[in-house]
Amino acid sequence: MPIPYNARNVPLARELRKNMTPWERHLWFDFLRRHTLRWQRQKPVLDYIVDFYCDKARLAVELDGGGHYHDAKRLDDERRTAHIGTLGIAVCRYANNDVDRHFDAVCDDIDRVAWERLQKLQSR
């Protein structure tokens, strides 16, 4: 089933792919790009753009910088996650600091969640 998205976000998604943050670049080039499952970066979903998306596992990965820890932004993130969740897509969030300091643990967690979701979806 195709993921609904706002076509107006496509040019921005393309621009974001060209200008990834250092943490997005690290996760993409050193892990997700070579992952067994196919991942997309800066994927439009509904009215949003998720940092990374795996269609087979129906999983989005978001990397959060310091601005995401203020109350207003945290509430926006919760609403966004809930809205995306209505499509059956799970959202995993990781702090940029975790990508810096605990890269292997972040990768292991993404890998574990992706395969668990894939197995769950295939058993339906």
PDB file of N, CA and C in Angstrom:
ATOM      1  N   MET A   1       0.839  -1.171   0.000  1.00  0.00           N
ATOM      2  CA  MET A   1       0.000   0.000   0.000  1.00  0.00           C
ATOM      3  C   MET A   1       0.893   1.247   0.000  1.00  0.00           C
ATOM      4  N   PRO A   2       0.717   2.144  -0.942  1.00  0.00           N
ATOM      5  CA  PRO A   2       1.535   3.364  -0.982  1.00  0.00           C
ATOM      6  C   PRO A   2       1.275   4.250   0.237  1.00  0.00           C
ATOM      7  N   ILE A   3       2.312   4.918   0.659  1.00  0.00           N
ATOM      8  CA  ILE A   3       2.217   5.822   1.803  1.00  0.00           C
ATOM      9  C   ILE A   3       1.706   7.181   1.313  1.00  0.00           C
ATOM     10  N   PRO A   4       0.602   7.684   1.874  1.00  0.00           N
ATOM     11  CA  PRO A   4       0.128   9.011   1.466  1.00  0.00           C
ATOM     12  C   PRO A   4       1.109  10.096   1.918  1.00  0.00           C
ATOM     13  N   TYR A   5       1.269  11.096   1.068  1.00  0.00           N
ATOM     14  CA  TYR A   5       2.180  12.187   1.398  1.00  0.00           C
ATOM     15  C   TYR A   5       1.717  13.462   0.716  1.00  0.00           C
ATOM     16  N   ASN A   6       2.213  14.559   1.232  1.00  0.00           N
ATOM     17  CA  ASN A   6       1.916  15.873   0.672  1.00  0.00           C
ATOM     18  C   ASN A   6       2.952  16.157  -0.412  1.00  0.00           C
ATOM     19  N   ALA A   7       2.520  16.259  -1.659  1.00  0.00           N
ATOM     20  CA  ALA A   7       3.439  16.456  -2.789  1.00  0.00           C
ATOM     21  C   ALA A   7       4.252  17.742  -2.653  1.00  0.00           C
ATOM     22  N   ARG A   8       3.735  18.704  -1.906  1.00  0.00           N
ATOM     23  CA  ARG A   8       4.489  19.953  -1.710  1.00  0.00           C
ATOM     24  C   ARG A   8       5.769  19.735  -0.906  1.00  0.00           C
ATOM     25  N   ASN A   9       5.863  18.600  -0.208  1.00  0.00           N
ATOM     26  CA  ASN A   9       7.058  18.314   0.587  1.00  0.00           C
ATOM     27  C   ASN A   9       8.176  17.657  -0.220  1.00  0.00           C
ATOM     28  N   VAL A  10       7.894  17.225  -1.445  1.00  0.00           N
ATOM     29  CA  VAL A  10       8.900  16.513  -2.238  1.00  0.00           C
ATOM     30  C   VAL A  10      10.140  17.372  -2.509  1.00  0.00           C
ATOM     31  N   PRO A  11      10.002  18.626  -2.953  1.00  0.00           N
ATOM     32  CA  PRO A  11      11.220  19.431  -3.169  1.00  0.00           C
ATOM     33  C   PRO A  11      12.039  19.622  -1.888  1.00  0.00           C
ATOM     34  N   LEU A  12      11.365  19.819  -0.766  1.00  0.00           N
ATOM     35  CA  LEU A  12      12.080  19.972   0.499  1.00  0.00           C
ATOM     36  C   LEU A  12      12.798  18.674   0.865  1.00  0.00           C
ATOM     37  N   ALA A  13      12.139  17.530   0.665  1.00  0.00           N
ATOM     38  CA  ALA A  13      12.768  16.241   0.959  1.00  0.00           C
ATOM     39  C   ALA A  13      14.033  16.065   0.121  1.00  0.00           C
ATOM     40  N   ARG A  14      13.961  16.436  -1.145  1.00  0.00           N
ATOM     41  CA  ARG A  14      15.153  16.346  -2.011  1.00  0.00           C
ATOM     42  C   ARG A  14      16.278  17.225  -1.477  1.00  0.00           C
ATOM     43  N   GLU A  15      15.911  18.424  -1.058  1.00  0.00           N
ATOM     44  CA  GLU A  15      16.912  19.348  -0.516  1.00  0.00           C
ATOM     45  C   GLU A  15      17.518  18.798   0.773  1.00  0.00           C
ATOM     46  N   LEU A  16      16.682  18.219   1.623  1.00  0.00           N
ATOM     47  CA  LEU A  16      17.180  17.649   2.876  1.00  0.00           C
ATOM     48  C   LEU A  16      18.114  16.471   2.618  1.00  0.00           C
ATOM     49  N   ARG A  17      17.855  15.690   1.564  1.00  0.00           N
ATOM     50  CA  ARG A  17      18.752  14.586   1.205  1.00  0.00           C
ATOM     51  C   ARG A  17      20.133  15.106   0.817  1.00  0.00           C
ATOM     52  N   LYS A  18      20.143  16.252   0.157  1.00  0.00           N
ATOM     53  CA  LYS A  18      21.422  16.841  -0.265  1.00  0.00           C
ATOM     54  C   LYS A  18      22.173  17.463   0.908  1.00  0.00           C
ATOM     55  N   ASN A  19      21.445  17.844   1.939  1.00  0.00           N
ATOM     56  CA  ASN A  19      22.035  18.577   3.066  1.00  0.00           C
ATOM     57  C   ASN A  19      21.742  17.886   4.394  1.00  0.00           C
ATOM     58  N   MET A  20      22.083  16.615   4.488  1.00  0.00           N
ATOM     59  CA  MET A  20      21.837  15.875   5.720  1.00  0.00           C
ATOM     60  C   MET A  20      22.703  16.429   6.857  1.00  0.00           C
ATOM     61  N   THR A  21      22.201  16.277   8.072  1.00  0.00           N
ATOM     62  CA  THR A  21      22.990  16.652   9.242  1.00  0.00           C
ATOM     63  C   THR A  21      24.145  15.657   9.376  1.00  0.00           C
ATOM     64  N   PRO A  22      25.168  15.997  10.149  1.00  0.00           N
ATOM     65  CA  PRO A  22      26.274  15.047  10.345  1.00  0.00           C
ATOM     66  C   PRO A  22      25.799  13.709  10.916  1.00  0.00           C
ATOM     67  N   TRP A  23      24.804  13.738  11.798  1.00  0.00           N
ATOM     68  CA  TRP A  23      24.307  12.511  12.415  1.00  0.00           C
ATOM     69  C   TRP A  23      23.529  11.673  11.412  1.00  0.00           C
ATOM     70  N   GLU A  24      22.739  12.332  10.573  1.00  0.00           N
ATOM     71  CA  GLU A  24      22.018  11.613   9.516  1.00  0.00           C
ATOM     72  C   GLU A  24      23.002  10.987   8.539  1.00  0.00           C
ATOM     73  N   ARG A  25      24.033  11.737   8.159  1.00  0.00           N
ATOM     74  CA  ARG A  25      25.046  11.196   7.241  1.00  0.00           C
ATOM     75  C   ARG A  25      25.715   9.968   7.838  1.00  0.00           C
ATOM     76  N   HIS A  26      26.090  10.071   9.105  1.00  0.00           N
ATOM     77  CA  HIS A  26      26.764   8.957   9.783  1.00  0.00           C
ATOM     78  C   HIS A  26      25.871   7.716   9.785  1.00  0.00           C
ATOM     79  N   LEU A  27      24.626   7.879  10.208  1.00  0.00           N
ATOM     80  CA  LEU A  27      23.719   6.730  10.267  1.00  0.00           C
ATOM     81  C   LEU A  27      23.451   6.168   8.873  1.00  0.00           C
ATOM     82  N   TRP A  28      23.294   7.034   7.890  1.00  0.00           N
ATOM     83  CA  TRP A  28      22.998   6.588   6.529  1.00  0.00           C
ATOM     84  C   TRP A  28      24.193   5.868   5.901  1.00  0.00           C
ATOM     85  N   PHE A  29      25.319   6.536   5.846  1.00  0.00           N
ATOM     86  CA  PHE A  29      26.469   5.987   5.122  1.00  0.00           C
ATOM     87  C   PHE A  29      27.158   4.848   5.865  1.00  0.00           C
ATOM     88  N   ASP A  30      27.068   4.825   7.179  1.00  0.00           N
ATOM     89  CA  ASP A  30      27.771   3.806   7.945  1.00  0.00           C
ATOM     90  C   ASP A  30      26.876   2.678   8.441  1.00  0.00           C
ATOM     91  N   PHE A  31      25.576   2.749   8.131  1.00  0.00           N
ATOM     92  CA  PHE A  31      24.696   1.660   8.567  1.00  0.00           C
ATOM     93  C   PHE A  31      23.511   1.422   7.633  1.00  0.00           C
ATOM     94  N   LEU A  32      22.589   2.353   7.552  1.00  0.00           N
ATOM     95  CA  LEU A  32      21.314   2.086   6.871  1.00  0.00           C
ATOM     96  C   LEU A  32      21.454   1.847   5.373  1.00  0.00           C
ATOM     97  N   ARG A  33      22.374   2.541   4.737  1.00  0.00           N
ATOM     98  CA  ARG A  33      22.517   2.395   3.284  1.00  0.00           C
ATOM     99  C   ARG A  33      22.862   0.956   2.903  1.00  0.00           C
ATOM    100  N   ARG A  34      23.589   0.257   3.769  1.00  0.00           N
ATOM    101  CA  ARG A  34      24.008  -1.122   3.484  1.00  0.00           C
ATOM    102  C   ARG A  34      23.160  -2.167   4.214  1.00  0.00           C
ATOM    103  N   HIS A  35      22.167  -1.728   4.916  1.00  0.00           N
ATOM    104  CA  HIS A  35      21.326  -2.646   5.695  1.00  0.00           C
ATOM    105  C   HIS A  35      20.637  -3.635   4.765  1.00  0.00           C
ATOM    106  N   THR A  36      20.387  -4.817   5.261  1.00  0.00           N
ATOM    107  CA  THR A  36      19.720  -5.854   4.472  1.00  0.00           C
ATOM    108  C   THR A  36      18.354  -5.387   3.990  1.00  0.00           C
ATOM    109  N   LEU A  37      17.622  -4.704   4.849  1.00  0.00           N
ATOM    110  CA  LEU A  37      16.332  -4.147   4.459  1.00  0.00           C
ATOM    111  C   LEU A  37      16.569  -2.826   3.732  1.00  0.00           C
ATOM    112  N   ARG A  38      15.692  -2.490   2.820  1.00  0.00           N
ATOM    113  CA  ARG A  38      15.845  -1.244   2.055  1.00  0.00           C
ATOM    114  C   ARG A  38      15.307  -0.065   2.867  1.00  0.00           C
ATOM    115  N   TRP A  39      16.128   0.956   2.988  1.00  0.00           N
ATOM    116  CA  TRP A  39      15.767   2.177   3.698  1.00  0.00           C
ATOM    117  C   TRP A  39      15.771   3.347   2.734  1.00  0.00           C
ATOM    118  N   GLN A  40      14.891   4.301   2.996  1.00  0.00           N
ATOM    119  CA  GLN A  40      14.861   5.559   2.251  1.00  0.00           C
ATOM    120  C   GLN A  40      15.177   6.676   3.233  1.00  0.00           C
ATOM    121  N   ARG A  41      15.788   7.731   2.727  1.00  0.00           N
ATOM    122  CA  ARG A  41      16.082   8.870   3.601  1.00  0.00           C
ATOM    123  C   ARG A  41      15.224  10.051   3.193  1.00  0.00           C
ATOM    124  N   GLN A  42      14.870  10.843   4.183  1.00  0.00           N
ATOM    125  CA  GLN A  42      14.041  12.030   3.981  1.00  0.00           C
ATOM    126  C   GLN A  42      12.798  11.685   3.159  1.00  0.00           C
ATOM    127  N   LYS A  43      11.987  10.809   3.728  1.00  0.00           N
ATOM    128  CA  LYS A  43      10.802  10.269   3.060  1.00  0.00           C
ATOM    129  C   LYS A  43       9.560  11.071   3.455  1.00  0.00           C
ATOM    130  N   PRO A  44       8.867  11.660   2.478  1.00  0.00           N
ATOM    131  CA  PRO A  44       7.595  12.316   2.792  1.00  0.00           C
ATOM    132  C   PRO A  44       6.545  11.288   3.244  1.00  0.00           C
ATOM    133  N   VAL A  45       5.919  11.575   4.363  1.00  0.00           N
ATOM    134  CA  VAL A  45       4.849  10.740   4.921  1.00  0.00           C
ATOM    135  C   VAL A  45       3.786  11.697   5.449  1.00  0.00           C
ATOM    136  N   LEU A  46       2.578  11.592   4.911  1.00  0.00           N
ATOM    137  CA  LEU A  46       1.509  12.521   5.265  1.00  0.00           C
ATOM    138  C   LEU A  46       2.011  13.953   5.045  1.00  0.00           C
ATOM    139  N   ASP A  47       1.906  14.802   6.064  1.00  0.00           N
ATOM    140  CA  ASP A  47       2.379  16.188   5.932  1.00  0.00           C
ATOM    141  C   ASP A  47       3.791  16.378   6.480  1.00  0.00           C
ATOM    142  N   TYR A  48       4.503  15.285   6.700  1.00  0.00           N
ATOM    143  CA  TYR A  48       5.812  15.329   7.343  1.00  0.00           C
ATOM    144  C   TYR A  48       6.879  14.769   6.412  1.00  0.00           C
ATOM    145  N   ILE A  49       8.119  14.911   6.854  1.00  0.00           N
ATOM    146  CA  ILE A  49       9.245  14.250   6.199  1.00  0.00           C
ATOM    147  C   ILE A  49       9.996  13.525   7.307  1.00  0.00           C
ATOM    148  N   VAL A  50      10.042  12.191   7.232  1.00  0.00           N
ATOM    149  CA  VAL A  50      10.768  11.425   8.247  1.00  0.00           C
ATOM    150  C   VAL A  50      12.215  11.274   7.796  1.00  0.00           C
ATOM    151  N   ASP A  51      13.121  11.199   8.764  1.00  0.00           N
ATOM    152  CA  ASP A  51      14.543  11.120   8.432  1.00  0.00           C
ATOM    153  C   ASP A  51      14.861   9.858   7.635  1.00  0.00           C
ATOM    154  N   PHE A  52      14.372   8.708   8.113  1.00  0.00           N
ATOM    155  CA  PHE A  52      14.615   7.428   7.438  1.00  0.00           C
ATOM    156  C   PHE A  52      13.352   6.582   7.515  1.00  0.00           C
ATOM    157  N   TYR A  53      13.138   5.769   6.477  1.00  0.00           N
ATOM    158  CA  TYR A  53      11.923   4.958   6.439  1.00  0.00           C
ATOM    159  C   TYR A  53      12.206   3.614   5.779  1.00  0.00           C
ATOM    160  N   CYS A  54      11.732   2.546   6.413  1.00  0.00           N
ATOM    161  CA  CYS A  54      11.800   1.192   5.866  1.00  0.00           C
ATOM    162  C   CYS A  54      10.372   0.720   5.627  1.00  0.00           C
ATOM    163  N   ASP A  55      10.011   0.578   4.358  1.00  0.00           N
ATOM    164  CA  ASP A  55       8.639   0.219   4.012  1.00  0.00           C
ATOM    165  C   ASP A  55       8.290  -1.196   4.457  1.00  0.00           C
ATOM    166  N   LYS A  56       9.192  -2.150   4.263  1.00  0.00           N
ATOM    167  CA  LYS A  56       8.887  -3.541   4.628  1.00  0.00           C
ATOM    168  C   LYS A  56       8.569  -3.678   6.107  1.00  0.00           C
ATOM    169  N   ALA A  57       9.276  -2.935   6.941  1.00  0.00           N
ATOM    170  CA  ALA A  57       9.059  -3.006   8.389  1.00  0.00           C
ATOM    171  C   ALA A  57       8.067  -1.952   8.875  1.00  0.00           C
ATOM    172  N   ARG A  58       7.624  -1.078   7.961  1.00  0.00           N
ATOM    173  CA  ARG A  58       6.733   0.027   8.336  1.00  0.00           C
ATOM    174  C   ARG A  58       7.314   0.759   9.552  1.00  0.00           C
ATOM    175  N   LEU A  59       8.582   1.164   9.394  1.00  0.00           N
ATOM    176  CA  LEU A  59       9.324   1.782  10.490  1.00  0.00           C
ATOM    177  C   LEU A  59       9.990   3.069  10.019  1.00  0.00           C
ATOM    178  N   ALA A  60       9.779   4.128  10.782  1.00  0.00           N
ATOM    179  CA  ALA A  60      10.459   5.404  10.551  1.00  0.00           C
ATOM    180  C   ALA A  60      11.467   5.616  11.673  1.00  0.00           C
ATOM    181  N   VAL A  61      12.603   6.194  11.321  1.00  0.00           N
ATOM    182  CA  VAL A  61      13.630   6.538  12.302  1.00  0.00           C
ATOM    183  C   VAL A  61      13.837   8.043  12.242  1.00  0.00           C
ATOM    184  N   GLU A  62      13.766   8.672  13.399  1.00  0.00           N
ATOM    185  CA  GLU A  62      13.961  10.111  13.509  1.00  0.00           C
ATOM    186  C   GLU A  62      15.157  10.383  14.415  1.00  0.00           C
ATOM    187  N   LEU A  63      16.025  11.290  13.989  1.00  0.00           N
ATOM    188  CA  LEU A  63      17.144  11.735  14.809  1.00  0.00           C
ATOM    189  C   LEU A  63      16.809  13.123  15.335  1.00  0.00           C
ATOM    190  N   ASP A  64      16.910  13.261  16.640  1.00  0.00           N
ATOM    191  CA  ASP A  64      16.489  14.497  17.291  1.00  0.00           C
ATOM    192  C   ASP A  64      17.672  15.261  17.863  1.00  0.00           C
ATOM    193  N   GLY A  65      17.746  16.537  17.516  1.00  0.00           N
ATOM    194  CA  GLY A  65      18.737  17.439  18.095  1.00  0.00           C
ATOM    195  C   GLY A  65      18.194  18.062  19.363  1.00  0.00           C
ATOM    196  N   GLY A  66      18.939  18.976  19.927  1.00  0.00           N
ATOM    197  CA  GLY A  66      18.578  19.594  21.196  1.00  0.00           C
ATOM    198  C   GLY A  66      17.233  20.288  21.203  1.00  0.00           C
ATOM    199  N   GLY A  67      16.804  20.823  20.079  1.00  0.00           N
ATOM    200  CA  GLY A  67      15.531  21.534  20.018  1.00  0.00           C
ATOM    201  C   GLY A  67      14.327  20.659  20.280  1.00  0.00           C
ATOM    202  N   HIS A  68      14.489  19.356  20.171  1.00  0.00           N
ATOM    203  CA  HIS A  68      13.361  18.440  20.348  1.00  0.00           C
ATOM    204  C   HIS A  68      13.042  18.180  21.815  1.00  0.00           C
ATOM    205  N   TYR A  69      13.822  18.745  22.729  1.00  0.00           N
ATOM    206  CA  TYR A  69      13.617  18.449  24.137  1.00  0.00           C
ATOM    207  C   TYR A  69      12.902  19.566  24.879  1.00  0.00           C
ATOM    208  N   HIS A  70      12.477  20.601  24.173  1.00  0.00           N
ATOM    209  CA  HIS A  70      11.634  21.634  24.770  1.00  0.00           C
ATOM    210  C   HIS A  70      10.196  21.135  24.740  1.00  0.00           C
ATOM    211  N   ASP A  71       9.403  21.553  25.715  1.00  0.00           N
ATOM    212  CA  ASP A  71       8.043  21.024  25.860  1.00  0.00           C
ATOM    213  C   ASP A  71       7.206  21.156  24.595  1.00  0.00           C
ATOM    214  N   ALA A  72       7.229  22.311  23.958  1.00  0.00           N
ATOM    215  CA  ALA A  72       6.391  22.521  22.766  1.00  0.00           C
ATOM    216  C   ALA A  72       6.812  21.590  21.640  1.00  0.00           C
ATOM    217  N   LYS A  73       8.099  21.452  21.413  1.00  0.00           N
ATOM    218  CA  LYS A  73       8.582  20.579  20.335  1.00  0.00           C
ATOM    219  C   LYS A  73       8.310  19.115  20.667  1.00  0.00           C
ATOM    220  N   ARG A  74       8.458  18.760  21.933  1.00  0.00           N
ATOM    221  CA  ARG A  74       8.187  17.381  22.348  1.00  0.00           C
ATOM    222  C   ARG A  74       6.715  17.041  22.088  1.00  0.00           C
ATOM    223  N   LEU A  75       5.812  17.979  22.375  1.00  0.00           N
ATOM    224  CA  LEU A  75       4.389  17.753  22.090  1.00  0.00           C
ATOM    225  C   LEU A  75       4.140  17.631  20.588  1.00  0.00           C
ATOM    226  N   ASP A  76       4.797  18.469  19.794  1.00  0.00           N
ATOM    227  CA  ASP A  76       4.691  18.355  18.328  1.00  0.00           C
ATOM    228  C   ASP A  76       5.166  16.983  17.862  1.00  0.00           C
ATOM    229  N   ASP A  77       6.283  16.524  18.414  1.00  0.00           N
ATOM    230  CA  ASP A  77       6.817  15.209  18.040  1.00  0.00           C
ATOM    231  C   ASP A  77       5.844  14.094  18.414  1.00  0.00           C
ATOM    232  N   GLU A  78       5.201  14.212  19.576  1.00  0.00           N
ATOM    233  CA  GLU A  78       4.231  13.198  20.002  1.00  0.00           C
ATOM    234  C   GLU A  78       3.024  13.176  19.069  1.00  0.00           C
ATOM    235  N   ARG A  79       2.536  14.353  18.685  1.00  0.00           N
ATOM    236  CA  ARG A  79       1.407  14.425  17.742  1.00  0.00           C
ATOM    237  C   ARG A  79       1.793  13.844  16.389  1.00  0.00           C
ATOM    238  N   ARG A  80       2.962  14.204  15.935  1.00  0.00           N
ATOM    239  CA  ARG A  80       3.470  13.713  14.650  1.00  0.00           C
ATOM    240  C   ARG A  80       3.591  12.188  14.666  1.00  0.00           C
ATOM    241  N   THR A  81       4.169  11.648  15.739  1.00  0.00           N
ATOM    242  CA  THR A  81       4.324  10.199  15.868  1.00  0.00           C
ATOM    243  C   THR A  81       2.960   9.516  15.872  1.00  0.00           C
ATOM    244  N   ALA A  82       2.004  10.076  16.597  1.00  0.00           N
ATOM    245  CA  ALA A  82       0.655   9.500  16.640  1.00  0.00           C
ATOM    246  C   ALA A  82      -0.006   9.556  15.268  1.00  0.00           C
ATOM    247  N   HIS A  83       0.140  10.672  14.563  1.00  0.00           N
ATOM    248  CA  HIS A  83      -0.465  10.820  13.235  1.00  0.00           C
ATOM    249  C   HIS A  83       0.143   9.806  12.264  1.00  0.00           C
ATOM    250  N   ILE A  84       1.456   9.681  12.264  1.00  0.00           N
ATOM    251  CA  ILE A  84       2.124   8.700  11.402  1.00  0.00           C
ATOM    252  C   ILE A  84       1.715   7.286  11.810  1.00  0.00           C
ATOM    253  N   GLY A  85       1.522   7.072  13.101  1.00  0.00           N
ATOM    254  CA  GLY A  85       1.109   5.759  13.602  1.00  0.00           C
ATOM    255  C   GLY A  85      -0.241   5.307  13.080  1.00  0.00           C
ATOM    256  N   THR A  86      -1.091   6.250  12.671  1.00  0.00           N
ATOM    257  CA  THR A  86      -2.397   5.863  12.116  1.00  0.00           C
ATOM    258  C   THR A  86      -2.245   5.084  10.812  1.00  0.00           C
ATOM    259  N   LEU A  87      -1.072   5.168  10.196  1.00  0.00           N
ATOM    260  CA  LEU A  87      -0.798   4.409   8.967  1.00  0.00           C
ATOM    261  C   LEU A  87      -0.170   3.050   9.267  1.00  0.00           C
ATOM    262  N   GLY A  88      -0.035   2.729  10.552  1.00  0.00           N
ATOM    263  CA  GLY A  88       0.610   1.475  10.921  1.00  0.00           C
ATOM    264  C   GLY A  88       2.123   1.565  10.889  1.00  0.00           C
ATOM    265  N   ILE A  89       2.637   2.777  10.914  1.00  0.00           N
ATOM    266  CA  ILE A  89       4.081   3.000  10.895  1.00  0.00           C
ATOM    267  C   ILE A  89       4.541   3.317  12.314  1.00  0.00           C
ATOM    268  N   ALA A  90       5.537   2.570  12.787  1.00  0.00           N
ATOM    269  CA  ALA A  90       6.145   2.864  14.085  1.00  0.00           C
ATOM    270  C   ALA A  90       7.254   3.890  13.877  1.00  0.00           C
ATOM    271  N   VAL A  91       7.477   4.707  14.887  1.00  0.00           N
ATOM    272  CA  VAL A  91       8.530   5.718  14.821  1.00  0.00           C
ATOM    273  C   VAL A  91       9.494   5.485  15.976  1.00  0.00           C
ATOM    274  N   CYS A  92      10.768   5.319  15.652  1.00  0.00           N
ATOM    275  CA  CYS A  92      11.826   5.235  16.664  1.00  0.00           C
ATOM    276  C   CYS A  92      12.594   6.545  16.644  1.00  0.00           C
ATOM    277  N   ARG A  93      12.829   7.088  17.822  1.00  0.00           N
ATOM    278  CA  ARG A  93      13.553   8.360  17.931  1.00  0.00           C
ATOM    279  C   ARG A  93      14.859   8.138  18.684  1.00  0.00           C
ATOM    280  N   TYR A  94      15.899   8.777  18.169  1.00  0.00           N
ATOM    281  CA  TYR A  94      17.214   8.701  18.796  1.00  0.00           C
ATOM    282  C   TYR A  94      17.794  10.108  18.855  1.00  0.00           C
ATOM    283  N   ALA A  95      18.455  10.396  19.941  1.00  0.00           N
ATOM    284  CA  ALA A  95      19.110  11.695  20.095  1.00  0.00           C
ATOM    285  C   ALA A  95      20.394  11.718  19.270  1.00  0.00           C
ATOM    286  N   ASN A  96      20.697  12.878  18.711  1.00  0.00           N
ATOM    287  CA  ASN A  96      21.962  13.024  17.984  1.00  0.00           C
ATOM    288  C   ASN A  96      23.142  12.617  18.861  1.00  0.00           C
ATOM    289  N   ASN A  97      23.073  12.953  20.153  1.00  0.00           N
ATOM    290  CA  ASN A  97      24.153  12.577  21.075  1.00  0.00           C
ATOM    291  C   ASN A  97      24.339  11.072  21.138  1.00  0.00           C
ATOM    292  N   ASP A  98      23.245  10.319  21.065  1.00  0.00           N
ATOM    293  CA  ASP A  98      23.352   8.860  21.083  1.00  0.00           C
ATOM    294  C   ASP A  98      24.035   8.345  19.825  1.00  0.00           C
ATOM    295  N   VAL A  99      23.760   8.975  18.692  1.00  0.00           N
ATOM    296  CA  VAL A  99      24.436   8.580  17.454  1.00  0.00           C
ATOM    297  C   VAL A  99      25.936   8.842  17.596  1.00  0.00           C
ATOM    298  N   ASP A 100      26.304   9.938  18.234  1.00  0.00           N
ATOM    299  CA  ASP A 100      27.721  10.246  18.468  1.00  0.00           C
ATOM    300  C   ASP A 100      28.369   9.281  19.447  1.00  0.00           C
ATOM    301  N   ARG A 101      27.723   9.077  20.574  1.00  0.00           N
ATOM    302  CA  ARG A 101      28.363   8.364  21.688  1.00  0.00           C
ATOM    303  C   ARG A 101      28.093   6.867  21.717  1.00  0.00           C
ATOM    304  N   HIS A 102      26.954   6.449  21.166  1.00  0.00           N
ATOM    305  CA  HIS A 102      26.557   5.037  21.262  1.00  0.00           C
ATOM    306  C   HIS A 102      26.088   4.528  19.904  1.00  0.00           C
ATOM    307  N   PHE A 103      26.881   4.793  18.881  1.00  0.00           N
ATOM    308  CA  PHE A 103      26.471   4.484  17.510  1.00  0.00           C
ATOM    309  C   PHE A 103      26.100   3.010  17.345  1.00  0.00           C
ATOM    310  N   ASP A 104      26.936   2.111  17.837  1.00  0.00           N
ATOM    311  CA  ASP A 104      26.658   0.681  17.676  1.00  0.00           C
ATOM    312  C   ASP A 104      25.355   0.281  18.361  1.00  0.00           C
ATOM    313  N   ALA A 105      25.088   0.849  19.529  1.00  0.00           N
ATOM    314  CA  ALA A 105      23.847   0.531  20.245  1.00  0.00           C
ATOM    315  C   ALA A 105      22.633   1.049  19.482  1.00  0.00           C
ATOM    316  N   VAL A 106      22.736   2.239  18.896  1.00  0.00           N
ATOM    317  CA  VAL A 106      21.638   2.782  18.084  1.00  0.00           C
ATOM    318  C   VAL A 106      21.390   1.867  16.891  1.00  0.00           C
ATOM    319  N   CYS A 107      22.455   1.471  16.210  1.00  0.00           N
ATOM    320  CA  CYS A 107      22.315   0.584  15.046  1.00  0.00           C
ATOM    321  C   CYS A 107      21.706  -0.754  15.446  1.00  0.00           C
ATOM    322  N   ASP A 108      22.178  -1.316  16.555  1.00  0.00           N
ATOM    323  CA  ASP A 108      21.627  -2.591  17.031  1.00  0.00           C
ATOM    324  C   ASP A 108      20.143  -2.458  17.338  1.00  0.00           C
ATOM    325  N   ASP A 109      19.758  -1.347  17.944  1.00  0.00           N
ATOM    326  CA  ASP A 109      18.350  -1.143  18.287  1.00  0.00           C
ATOM    327  C   ASP A 109      17.493  -0.997  17.034  1.00  0.00           C
ATOM    328  N   ILE A 110      17.949  -0.219  16.071  1.00  0.00           N
ATOM    329  CA  ILE A 110      17.206  -0.066  14.814  1.00  0.00           C
ATOM    330  C   ILE A 110      17.062  -1.420  14.133  1.00  0.00           C
ATOM    331  N   ASP A 111      18.147  -2.168  14.084  1.00  0.00           N
ATOM    332  CA  ASP A 111      18.133  -3.490  13.453  1.00  0.00           C
ATOM    333  C   ASP A 111      17.129  -4.411  14.149  1.00  0.00           C
ATOM    334  N   ARG A 112      17.181  -4.441  15.469  1.00  0.00           N
ATOM    335  CA  ARG A 112      16.279  -5.299  16.246  1.00  0.00           C
ATOM    336  C   ARG A 112      14.818  -4.923  16.009  1.00  0.00           C
ATOM    337  N   VAL A 113      14.500  -3.637  16.118  1.00  0.00           N
ATOM    338  CA  VAL A 113      13.115  -3.182  15.945  1.00  0.00           C
ATOM    339  C   VAL A 113      12.633  -3.463  14.524  1.00  0.00           C
ATOM    340  N   ALA A 114      13.473  -3.209  13.539  1.00  0.00           N
ATOM    341  CA  ALA A 114      13.073  -3.430  12.139  1.00  0.00           C
ATOM    342  C   ALA A 114      12.744  -4.899  11.894  1.00  0.00           C
ATOM    343  N   TRP A 115      13.613  -5.799  12.352  1.00  0.00           N
ATOM    344  CA  TRP A 115      13.359  -7.224  12.117  1.00  0.00           C
ATOM    345  C   TRP A 115      12.160  -7.719  12.923  1.00  0.00           C
ATOM    346  N   GLU A 116      11.972  -7.226  14.150  1.00  0.00           N
ATOM    347  CA  GLU A 116      10.793  -7.603  14.942  1.00  0.00           C
ATOM    348  C   GLU A 116       9.512  -7.157  14.248  1.00  0.00           C
ATOM    349  N   ARG A 117       9.507  -5.935  13.740  1.00  0.00           N
ATOM    350  CA  ARG A 117       8.314  -5.432  13.040  1.00  0.00           C
ATOM    351  C   ARG A 117       8.063  -6.217  11.762  1.00  0.00           C
ATOM    352  N   LEU A 118       9.111  -6.506  11.019  1.00  0.00           N
ATOM    353  CA  LEU A 118       8.952  -7.278   9.787  1.00  0.00           C
ATOM    354  C   LEU A 118       8.356  -8.644  10.093  1.00  0.00           C
ATOM    355  N   GLN A 119       8.881  -9.302  11.112  1.00  0.00           N
ATOM    356  CA  GLN A 119       8.367 -10.617  11.494  1.00  0.00           C
ATOM    357  C   GLN A 119       6.898 -10.519  11.916  1.00  0.00           C
ATOM    358  N   LYS A 120       6.565  -9.508  12.686  1.00  0.00           N
ATOM    359  CA  LYS A 120       5.185  -9.306  13.138  1.00  0.00           C
ATOM    360  C   LYS A 120       4.256  -9.051  11.947  1.00  0.00           C
ATOM    361  N   LEU A 121       4.688  -8.216  11.018  1.00  0.00           N
ATOM    362  CA  LEU A 121       3.862  -7.900   9.846  1.00  0.00           C
ATOM    363  C   LEU A 121       3.681  -9.118   8.944  1.00  0.00           C
ATOM    364  N   GLN A 122       4.704  -9.940   8.826  1.00  0.00           N
ATOM    365  CA  GLN A 122       4.613 -11.122   7.969  1.00  0.00           C
ATOM    366  C   GLN A 122       3.755 -12.218   8.581  1.00  0.00           C
ATOM    367  N   SER A 123       3.607 -12.203   9.908  1.00  0.00           N
ATOM    368  CA  SER A 123       2.821 -13.249  10.566  1.00  0.00           C
ATOM    369  C   SER A 123       1.327 -12.939  10.570  1.00  0.00           C
ATOM    370  N   ARG A 124       0.952 -11.786  10.061  1.00  0.00           N
ATOM    371  CA  ARG A 124      -0.472 -11.411  10.010  1.00  0.00           C
ATOM    372  C   ARG A 124      -1.195 -12.184   8.950  1.00  0.00           C
TER     373      ARG A 124
END
